[in-house]
Amino acid sequence: MPSMPSFGGSAATPGTPEWWKKNKNKATYVERQGYQVEGVPGYFDKNGRPMDGAMSEKDLVFRTESDKPQGLFPQLDPKKNYEKAKVAVGLGPDQQRAQEVYQEGQTLFTAKQYAKAAKKYQEACQRWPNSTLERQSLYQLGNSYFFDDRYQDARETYVELLEKYPNSPQVDGVVERLWSIAEYWEKHDQKEHHWAATPNFTDETRPWFDTQGFARKTYENIQLYDPTGPRADDAIMAMAGMYFRKGQYGEADHYYQLLRQQYPRSEYQFEAHLLGLQTKLRKYQGPEYDGAPLEEAKVLAKQLRTQFAGRLSADEGERLAQTQAEVNQAIVQRDMAMASHYENTGHYGAARIYYGEVMKKYPESQLASAARERLSAIADEPALPEEPAKWLIEMFPENPERTRVARVPELRDSRGGDQSPDKKDEEGTTLFR
């Protein structure tokens, strides 16, 4: 028999509504046990009733969500008011009803009446949220959309399932369905490309806009939510290929590198190296731009020849050697361009360094001969250009910052101080006088 409420001045008995009303805010939740109030033995459910065992699924799910104030005006929270309205009209949480409609959905799904089954699974999700039943219903809801060829709805439902239940036993099945959807969208766009902003009002198998973008996003979902699964490296290669074909080589390079570094046992390692090399070469924009892609390509080509020597056919080996030669030639051309730039601006010290690098790295090349001639021509030139109108500048006092910089021995000596000898490069060419 339940405890009767206390009357008069006596303290409320633990387990009664009056006692729970006074102590509810002091209660702390213990996982799988229930609520505990300091000084009172035992555990209590969300309504303050004594617990004899582990909490039921319903008590676990709805332990504090509805009782916590949200924001400054919780009474105006539309979400809470919507939930109250659902309860008021008999559409609130109901485990028994959820199980009933789930079974109805299963019957309809077996009969291949997928649209009707989807409505039942939706109701099951709403009637018993945050539960095993909701997880199962979400999975079946996604499957209903999938077999009804409503791929965008299926994708959104599958992603919701992965976000809410990342450790779901259905992850493998969800990922395979997402892969099928992404692959279909990608191939459809390759065959019949539409601009991203072109609306789709007739084909329910495709998104309303940007089929290619949604295909890429779905591959990304696979890699994000199942990074150790069997489709993760497939998804990365698919994304890299899509960017490569669009000419977005920076993004493609990122994904090829991601696969090389994070999936060393992937079957795509050889392709990621080979296509990554091509990507880096296409990222390089010429001698006037950043030369980092060339240096990275040089390292990647060496890795290809070292790690995959057994996989390279005679034709591939010849093409790789040709690519390496192209990379080396581009590096030499960039060094010569940098040397010429510094020579033209009067920074002869820097120019000598770059000419020296060309001669050192590629002594037998035609550019090495040209570098040797230029190095000889500027051998007696000062390392740095003279300051313009120096006589005029010296008429004015230097500001404190210039004065402090001038006191640095290394800088002062490099401009012609008497305390340090001339600095020379490896070939004896004077760099600073």
Protein backbone atom coordinates (compact mmCIF):
# COMPACT_ATOMS: atom_id res chain seq x y z
CA MET A 1 0.00 0.00 0.00
CA PRO A 2 1.42 3.41 -0.91
CA SER A 3 2.36 5.78 1.92
CA MET A 4 -0.26 8.29 2.92
CA PRO A 5 0.57 12.00 2.85
CA SER A 6 1.53 13.49 6.20
CA PHE A 7 -0.55 16.04 8.01
CA GLY A 8 0.09 18.64 10.65
CA GLY A 9 3.60 19.67 11.52
CA SER A 10 5.26 16.30 11.01
CA ALA A 11 7.90 15.92 8.30
CA ALA A 12 6.80 14.47 4.98
CA THR A 13 7.46 10.75 4.62
CA PRO A 14 10.06 9.80 1.95
CA GLY A 15 8.31 8.50 -1.14
CA THR A 16 5.26 10.73 -0.83
CA PRO A 17 4.42 13.52 -3.33
CA GLU A 18 4.85 16.15 -0.57
CA TRP A 19 8.31 14.86 0.33
CA TRP A 20 9.39 14.67 -3.33
CA LYS A 21 8.16 18.19 -3.98
CA LYS A 22 10.46 19.49 -1.25
CA ASN A 23 13.47 17.32 -2.10
CA LYS A 24 13.29 16.99 -5.86
CA ASN A 25 15.82 19.76 -6.51
CA LYS A 26 18.27 18.17 -4.07
CA ALA A 27 18.15 14.76 -5.69
CA THR A 28 21.06 13.46 -7.73
CA TYR A 29 20.77 10.82 -10.41
CA VAL A 30 22.84 7.61 -10.19
CA GLU A 31 23.20 5.75 -13.49
CA ARG A 32 20.96 2.69 -13.72
CA GLN A 33 19.93 3.06 -10.06
CA GLY A 34 17.66 6.08 -9.81
CA TYR A 35 17.55 9.31 -7.82
CA GLN A 36 19.17 9.63 -4.42
CA VAL A 37 18.53 12.25 -1.72
CA GLU A 38 21.24 12.90 0.82
CA GLY A 39 20.38 11.46 4.22
CA VAL A 40 17.62 9.25 2.85
CA PRO A 41 18.42 5.56 2.16
CA GLY A 42 17.46 3.94 -1.13
CA TYR A 43 16.74 5.18 -4.63
CA PHE A 44 13.68 6.88 -6.12
CA ASP A 45 12.20 7.19 -9.62
CA LYS A 46 11.46 10.44 -11.44
CA ASN A 47 8.24 10.86 -9.46
CA GLY A 48 9.90 10.29 -6.08
CA ARG A 49 8.64 6.76 -5.62
CA PRO A 50 10.94 4.20 -3.94
CA MET A 51 12.90 1.96 -6.32
CA ASP A 52 13.28 -1.73 -5.59
CA GLY A 53 15.51 -2.42 -8.62
CA ALA A 54 17.03 -0.88 -11.72
CA MET A 55 15.03 1.86 -13.40
CA SER A 56 12.79 1.02 -16.31
CA GLU A 57 13.55 2.28 -19.81
CA LYS A 58 10.79 4.88 -19.50
CA ASP A 59 12.16 6.28 -16.23
CA LEU A 60 15.67 6.39 -17.68
CA VAL A 61 14.55 8.28 -20.77
CA PHE A 62 12.38 10.90 -19.13
CA ARG A 63 14.28 11.41 -15.91
CA THR A 64 14.91 15.19 -16.03
CA GLU A 65 14.27 16.54 -19.54
CA SER A 66 10.75 17.81 -18.90
CA ASP A 67 11.51 19.24 -15.47
CA LYS A 68 14.51 21.42 -16.33
CA PRO A 69 13.73 25.06 -17.13
CA GLN A 70 15.01 26.12 -20.55
CA GLY A 71 16.00 29.73 -21.22
CA LEU A 72 14.69 32.88 -19.59
CA PHE A 73 11.03 32.11 -20.24
CA PRO A 74 10.60 28.33 -20.16
CA GLN A 75 6.83 28.66 -20.22
CA LEU A 76 7.17 30.18 -23.71
CA ASP A 77 9.50 27.47 -25.06
CA PRO A 78 7.72 26.31 -28.27
CA LYS A 79 9.26 22.85 -28.05
CA LYS A 80 7.96 22.28 -24.52
CA ASN A 81 4.56 23.68 -25.40
CA TYR A 82 4.41 21.42 -28.44
CA GLU A 83 5.19 18.40 -26.28
CA LYS A 84 2.51 19.42 -23.79
CA ALA A 85 0.01 19.80 -26.60
CA LYS A 86 0.84 16.32 -27.87
CA VAL A 87 0.29 14.89 -24.42
CA ALA A 88 -2.99 16.80 -24.08
CA VAL A 89 -4.43 15.25 -27.26
CA GLY A 90 -3.21 11.77 -26.46
CA LEU A 91 -0.08 11.78 -28.65
CA GLY A 92 2.48 11.89 -25.86
CA PRO A 93 5.01 9.16 -24.98
CA ASP A 94 3.34 5.77 -24.90
CA GLN A 95 5.49 2.65 -24.99
CA GLN A 96 2.64 0.26 -25.65
CA ARG A 97 1.33 2.33 -28.57
CA ALA A 98 4.86 2.66 -29.96
CA GLN A 99 5.33 -1.09 -29.94
CA GLU A 100 1.96 -1.62 -31.60
CA VAL A 101 2.60 0.76 -34.51
CA TYR A 102 6.14 -0.60 -34.92
CA GLN A 103 4.72 -4.10 -35.43
CA GLU A 104 2.17 -2.68 -37.87
CA GLY A 105 5.03 -1.07 -39.74
CA GLN A 106 6.88 -4.37 -39.85
CA THR A 107 3.86 -6.07 -41.39
CA LEU A 108 3.51 -3.36 -44.02
CA PHE A 109 7.25 -3.41 -44.75
CA THR A 110 7.16 -7.16 -45.34
CA ALA A 111 4.27 -6.60 -47.73
CA LYS A 112 6.45 -4.01 -49.55
CA GLN A 113 3.99 -1.21 -48.74
CA TYR A 114 6.89 1.08 -47.90
CA ALA A 115 5.09 4.45 -47.86
CA LYS A 116 2.50 3.18 -45.35
CA ALA A 117 5.19 1.44 -43.31
CA ALA A 118 7.16 4.71 -43.09
CA LYS A 119 4.21 6.45 -41.41
CA LYS A 120 4.01 3.71 -38.78
CA TYR A 121 7.73 3.89 -38.04
CA GLN A 122 7.51 7.68 -37.75
CA GLU A 123 4.78 7.36 -35.14
CA ALA A 124 6.77 4.74 -33.25
CA CYS A 125 9.73 7.16 -33.07
CA GLN A 126 7.50 9.94 -31.76
CA ARG A 127 5.71 7.76 -29.22
CA TRP A 128 8.81 6.35 -27.54
CA PRO A 129 11.83 8.60 -28.16
CA ASN A 130 15.36 8.03 -26.86
CA SER A 131 14.91 4.29 -26.65
CA THR A 132 15.92 1.06 -28.32
CA LEU A 133 12.55 1.03 -30.01
CA GLU A 134 13.20 4.46 -31.52
CA ARG A 135 16.58 3.27 -32.82
CA GLN A 136 14.98 0.27 -34.49
CA SER A 137 12.18 2.43 -35.87
CA LEU A 138 14.62 4.95 -37.33
CA TYR A 139 16.51 2.19 -39.09
CA GLN A 140 13.33 0.74 -40.55
CA LEU A 141 12.08 4.21 -41.46
CA GLY A 142 15.26 4.80 -43.45
CA ASN A 143 14.88 1.41 -45.12
CA SER A 144 11.27 2.22 -46.05
CA TYR A 145 12.36 5.43 -47.74
CA PHE A 146 15.27 3.62 -49.41
CA PHE A 147 13.14 0.87 -50.99
CA ASP A 148 10.51 3.46 -51.91
CA ASP A 149 13.25 5.26 -53.93
CA ARG A 150 13.04 8.37 -51.73
CA TYR A 151 16.79 8.57 -51.34
CA GLN A 152 17.06 12.04 -49.88
CA ASP A 153 14.60 11.17 -47.08
CA ALA A 154 16.46 7.90 -46.54
CA ARG A 155 19.80 9.68 -46.27
CA GLU A 156 18.49 12.20 -43.72
CA THR A 157 16.98 9.42 -41.61
CA TYR A 158 20.14 7.30 -41.70
CA VAL A 159 22.29 10.29 -40.72
CA GLU A 160 19.91 11.06 -37.83
CA LEU A 161 20.30 7.47 -36.66
CA LEU A 162 24.10 7.67 -36.81
CA GLU A 163 24.13 10.98 -34.95
CA LYS A 164 21.78 9.83 -32.20
CA TYR A 165 22.94 6.23 -31.87
CA PRO A 166 26.58 6.08 -33.05
CA ASN A 167 27.11 2.63 -31.54
CA SER A 168 24.01 1.14 -33.10
CA PRO A 169 24.35 -2.47 -34.31
CA GLN A 170 22.75 -1.28 -37.57
CA VAL A 171 25.73 0.94 -38.45
CA ASP A 172 27.11 -1.45 -41.06
CA GLY A 173 23.76 -1.73 -42.81
CA VAL A 174 23.23 2.03 -42.69
CA VAL A 175 26.67 2.72 -44.14
CA GLU A 176 26.09 0.32 -47.03
CA ARG A 177 22.79 2.04 -47.87
CA LEU A 178 24.43 5.47 -47.66
CA TRP A 179 27.17 4.23 -49.98
CA SER A 180 24.60 3.05 -52.52
CA ILE A 181 22.82 6.42 -52.38
CA ALA A 182 26.03 8.45 -52.76
CA GLU A 183 27.30 6.27 -55.60
CA TYR A 184 23.97 6.53 -57.44
CA TRP A 185 23.91 10.33 -57.12
CA GLU A 186 27.53 10.64 -58.24
CA LYS A 187 27.03 8.47 -61.34
CA HIS A 188 23.74 10.17 -62.17
CA ASP A 189 25.42 13.57 -62.07
CA GLN A 190 28.29 12.35 -64.25
CA LYS A 191 25.81 11.14 -66.84
CA GLU A 192 23.40 14.07 -66.61
CA HIS A 193 25.00 17.03 -64.87
CA HIS A 194 22.85 19.84 -63.49
CA TRP A 195 23.96 23.13 -62.01
CA ALA A 196 23.88 23.13 -58.21
CA ALA A 197 21.16 25.80 -58.16
CA THR A 198 18.95 24.03 -60.71
CA PRO A 199 15.85 22.75 -58.86
CA ASN A 200 14.62 19.18 -59.18
CA PHE A 201 10.84 18.89 -58.94
CA THR A 202 10.23 15.56 -60.70
CA ASP A 203 12.78 12.96 -59.63
CA GLU A 204 12.29 11.75 -56.03
CA THR A 205 15.46 9.67 -56.22
CA ARG A 206 17.56 12.86 -56.23
CA PRO A 207 17.81 15.88 -53.90
CA TRP A 208 15.98 19.07 -54.76
CA PHE A 209 19.29 20.83 -55.49
CA ASP A 210 22.97 19.99 -56.04
CA THR A 211 23.00 16.24 -56.61
CA GLN A 212 26.79 16.18 -56.84
CA GLY A 213 27.19 18.16 -53.63
CA PHE A 214 24.88 15.82 -51.73
CA ALA A 215 26.75 12.79 -53.08
CA ARG A 216 30.01 14.23 -51.77
CA LYS A 217 28.35 15.10 -48.45
CA THR A 218 27.06 11.54 -48.10
CA TYR A 219 30.55 10.13 -48.67
CA GLU A 220 31.72 12.52 -45.98
CA ASN A 221 29.01 11.22 -43.60
CA ILE A 222 30.28 7.68 -44.12
CA GLN A 223 33.86 8.60 -43.29
CA LEU A 224 32.82 10.80 -40.35
CA TYR A 225 30.43 8.42 -38.58
CA ASP A 226 32.23 5.15 -39.34
CA PRO A 227 35.93 6.13 -39.64
CA THR A 228 37.16 2.59 -38.96
CA GLY A 229 34.57 0.82 -41.07
CA PRO A 230 35.16 -0.99 -44.36
CA ARG A 231 33.75 1.87 -46.43
CA ALA A 232 35.75 4.72 -44.86
CA ASP A 233 38.68 4.57 -47.29
CA ASP A 234 36.27 4.01 -50.20
CA ALA A 235 34.48 7.22 -49.25
CA ILE A 236 37.73 9.21 -49.01
CA MET A 237 38.86 8.06 -52.45
CA ALA A 238 35.45 8.86 -53.89
CA MET A 239 35.58 12.41 -52.47
CA ALA A 240 39.13 12.91 -53.74
CA GLY A 241 38.13 11.73 -57.21
CA MET A 242 35.16 14.08 -57.34
CA TYR A 243 37.34 17.07 -56.45
CA PHE A 244 40.05 15.96 -58.89
CA ARG A 245 37.61 15.77 -61.79
CA LYS A 246 36.28 19.23 -60.93
CA GLY A 247 39.79 20.68 -61.00
CA GLN A 248 39.74 21.49 -57.27
CA TYR A 249 43.21 20.10 -56.74
CA GLY A 250 43.76 21.56 -53.28
CA GLU A 251 40.78 19.64 -51.88
CA ALA A 252 41.70 16.49 -53.83
CA ASP A 253 45.25 16.65 -52.48
CA HIS A 254 43.87 16.90 -48.92
CA TYR A 255 41.86 13.68 -49.24
CA TYR A 256 44.63 11.72 -51.00
CA GLN A 257 46.98 12.74 -48.21
CA LEU A 258 44.36 11.83 -45.59
CA LEU A 259 44.14 8.31 -46.99
CA ARG A 260 47.91 7.90 -47.22
CA GLN A 261 48.38 8.95 -43.60
CA GLN A 262 45.36 7.55 -41.75
CA TYR A 263 44.68 4.37 -43.72
CA PRO A 264 48.12 2.83 -44.31
CA ARG A 265 46.63 -0.63 -44.96
CA SER A 266 44.07 0.56 -47.47
CA GLU A 267 43.98 -1.13 -50.85
CA TYR A 268 44.00 2.38 -52.34
CA GLN A 269 47.48 3.31 -51.08
CA PHE A 270 49.06 2.92 -54.53
CA GLU A 271 46.32 4.98 -56.23
CA ALA A 272 46.48 7.62 -53.48
CA HIS A 273 50.22 8.03 -54.09
CA LEU A 274 49.95 8.02 -57.88
CA LEU A 275 46.98 10.40 -58.09
CA GLY A 276 48.35 12.46 -55.22
CA LEU A 277 51.50 13.05 -57.26
CA GLN A 278 49.45 14.23 -60.23
CA THR A 279 47.41 16.47 -57.93
CA LYS A 280 50.47 18.18 -56.51
CA LEU A 281 51.85 18.84 -59.99
CA ARG A 282 48.55 20.43 -61.01
CA LYS A 283 48.47 22.55 -57.86
CA TYR A 284 51.77 24.15 -58.85
CA GLN A 285 51.03 27.38 -60.73
CA GLY A 286 54.46 28.33 -61.99
CA PRO A 287 57.84 29.75 -60.91
CA GLU A 288 56.26 32.95 -59.57
CA TYR A 289 54.17 31.02 -57.01
CA ASP A 290 54.73 28.85 -53.96
CA GLY A 291 57.08 25.95 -54.68
CA ALA A 292 55.86 23.72 -51.82
CA PRO A 293 53.79 21.46 -54.13
CA LEU A 294 56.94 20.70 -56.14
CA GLU A 295 58.93 19.67 -53.08
CA GLU A 296 56.01 17.53 -51.87
CA ALA A 297 55.72 15.95 -55.32
CA LYS A 298 59.41 15.12 -55.28
CA VAL A 299 59.04 13.28 -51.95
CA LEU A 300 55.91 11.48 -53.14
CA ALA A 301 57.57 10.30 -56.35
CA LYS A 302 60.42 8.86 -54.31
CA GLN A 303 57.96 7.05 -52.03
CA LEU A 304 56.19 5.61 -55.05
CA ARG A 305 59.38 4.20 -56.50
CA THR A 306 60.49 2.84 -53.11
CA GLN A 307 57.27 1.40 -51.69
CA PHE A 308 55.53 0.22 -54.84
CA ALA A 309 58.39 -0.89 -57.05
CA GLY A 310 56.80 -4.32 -57.41
CA ARG A 311 53.46 -2.88 -58.49
CA LEU A 312 54.80 -0.55 -61.14
CA SER A 313 54.49 -1.90 -64.66
CA ALA A 314 57.17 -1.06 -67.19
CA ASP A 315 54.95 1.67 -68.63
CA GLU A 316 54.15 3.09 -65.17
CA GLY A 317 57.81 3.02 -64.20
CA GLU A 318 58.73 4.94 -67.35
CA ARG A 319 55.99 7.50 -66.72
CA LEU A 320 57.10 7.90 -63.11
CA ALA A 321 60.69 8.53 -64.21
CA GLN A 322 59.42 11.11 -66.68
CA THR A 323 57.33 12.75 -63.96
CA GLN A 324 60.33 12.90 -61.64
CA ALA A 325 62.33 14.57 -64.39
CA GLU A 326 59.53 17.10 -64.89
CA VAL A 327 59.46 17.84 -61.16
CA ASN A 328 63.22 18.35 -61.03
CA GLN A 329 63.10 20.60 -64.09
CA ALA A 330 60.32 22.68 -62.56
CA ILE A 331 62.31 23.06 -59.30
CA VAL A 332 65.39 24.22 -61.25
CA GLN A 333 63.32 26.67 -63.25
CA ARG A 334 61.81 28.08 -60.08
CA ASP A 335 65.25 28.48 -58.47
CA MET A 336 66.49 30.27 -61.61
CA ALA A 337 63.41 32.51 -61.60
CA MET A 338 64.02 33.41 -57.94
CA ALA A 339 67.70 34.10 -58.67
CA SER A 340 66.78 36.33 -61.60
CA HIS A 341 64.22 38.19 -59.48
CA TYR A 342 66.77 38.94 -56.74
CA GLU A 343 69.39 39.93 -59.30
CA ASN A 344 66.98 42.36 -60.98
CA THR A 345 66.11 43.97 -57.63
CA GLY A 346 69.75 44.39 -56.61
CA HIS A 347 69.73 41.67 -53.91
CA TYR A 348 72.82 40.02 -55.32
CA GLY A 349 73.58 38.04 -52.16
CA ALA A 350 70.28 36.16 -52.41
CA ALA A 351 70.70 35.77 -56.16
CA ARG A 352 74.09 34.14 -55.66
CA ILE A 353 72.56 31.65 -53.21
CA TYR A 354 69.89 30.56 -55.71
CA TYR A 355 72.36 30.35 -58.60
CA GLY A 356 74.60 28.27 -56.37
CA GLU A 357 71.68 25.91 -55.56
CA VAL A 358 71.04 25.32 -59.26
CA MET A 359 74.71 24.50 -59.89
CA LYS A 360 74.88 22.23 -56.84
CA LYS A 361 71.69 20.23 -57.41
CA TYR A 362 71.79 19.93 -61.19
CA PRO A 363 75.40 20.47 -62.32
CA GLU A 364 74.92 18.83 -65.73
CA SER A 365 71.83 20.75 -66.78
CA GLN A 366 71.75 23.64 -69.26
CA LEU A 367 70.39 25.90 -66.53
CA ALA A 368 73.46 25.13 -64.40
CA SER A 369 75.64 26.55 -67.18
CA ALA A 370 73.48 29.68 -67.32
CA ALA A 371 73.62 29.97 -63.51
CA ARG A 372 77.42 29.76 -63.59
CA GLU A 373 77.58 32.59 -66.11
CA ARG A 374 75.27 34.84 -64.07
CA LEU A 375 77.15 34.01 -60.87
CA SER A 376 80.38 35.12 -62.49
CA ALA A 377 78.75 38.30 -63.80
CA ILE A 378 77.52 39.44 -60.37
CA ALA A 379 80.47 38.18 -58.32
CA ASP A 380 81.65 41.70 -57.43
CA GLU A 381 78.23 43.21 -56.80
CA PRO A 382 77.22 44.19 -53.23
CA ALA A 383 75.03 41.72 -51.36
CA LEU A 384 72.29 44.28 -50.69
CA PRO A 385 71.17 47.35 -52.66
CA GLU A 386 72.25 50.73 -51.39
CA GLU A 387 69.63 52.80 -49.63
CA PRO A 388 68.15 55.43 -51.99
CA ALA A 389 68.94 59.06 -51.15
CA LYS A 390 71.08 57.97 -48.24
CA TRP A 391 72.49 61.50 -47.81
CA LEU A 392 68.96 62.84 -47.38
CA ILE A 393 67.95 60.18 -44.86
CA GLU A 394 71.03 60.85 -42.75
CA MET A 395 69.98 64.51 -42.36
CA PHE A 396 67.11 63.38 -40.11
CA PRO A 397 67.42 61.65 -36.74
CA GLU A 398 66.56 57.95 -36.78
CA ASN A 399 63.50 56.80 -34.90
CA PRO A 400 64.03 54.56 -31.83
CA GLU A 401 63.13 51.38 -33.66
CA ARG A 402 65.76 51.90 -36.39
CA THR A 403 68.31 52.77 -33.72
CA ARG A 404 67.64 49.53 -31.80
CA VAL A 405 67.86 47.46 -34.99
CA ALA A 406 71.16 49.12 -35.93
CA ARG A 407 72.66 47.97 -32.63
CA VAL A 408 72.19 44.29 -33.50
CA PRO A 409 75.73 43.07 -34.32
CA GLU A 410 74.66 40.49 -36.89
CA LEU A 411 72.72 43.03 -38.93
CA ARG A 412 75.34 45.75 -38.59
CA ASP A 413 78.19 43.47 -39.57
CA SER A 414 76.34 42.07 -42.61
CA ARG A 415 76.11 45.63 -43.94
CA GLY A 416 79.82 46.15 -43.97
CA GLY A 417 81.03 46.27 -40.36
CA ASP A 418 84.70 45.77 -39.66
CA GLN A 419 84.22 43.12 -36.96
CA SER A 420 83.35 40.05 -39.10
CA PRO A 421 84.96 38.54 -42.21
CA ASP A 422 83.15 38.22 -45.50
CA LYS A 423 80.63 35.34 -45.54
CA LYS A 424 81.03 32.89 -48.38
CA ASP A 425 78.88 30.11 -49.80
CA GLU A 426 80.06 26.55 -50.33
CA GLU A 427 81.78 27.42 -53.61
CA GLY A 428 83.68 30.39 -52.18
CA THR A 429 81.44 33.06 -53.67
CA THR A 430 81.19 36.12 -51.48
CA LEU A 431 77.65 36.54 -50.12
CA PHE A 432 78.05 39.61 -47.93
CA ARG A 433 80.70 42.31 -48.00
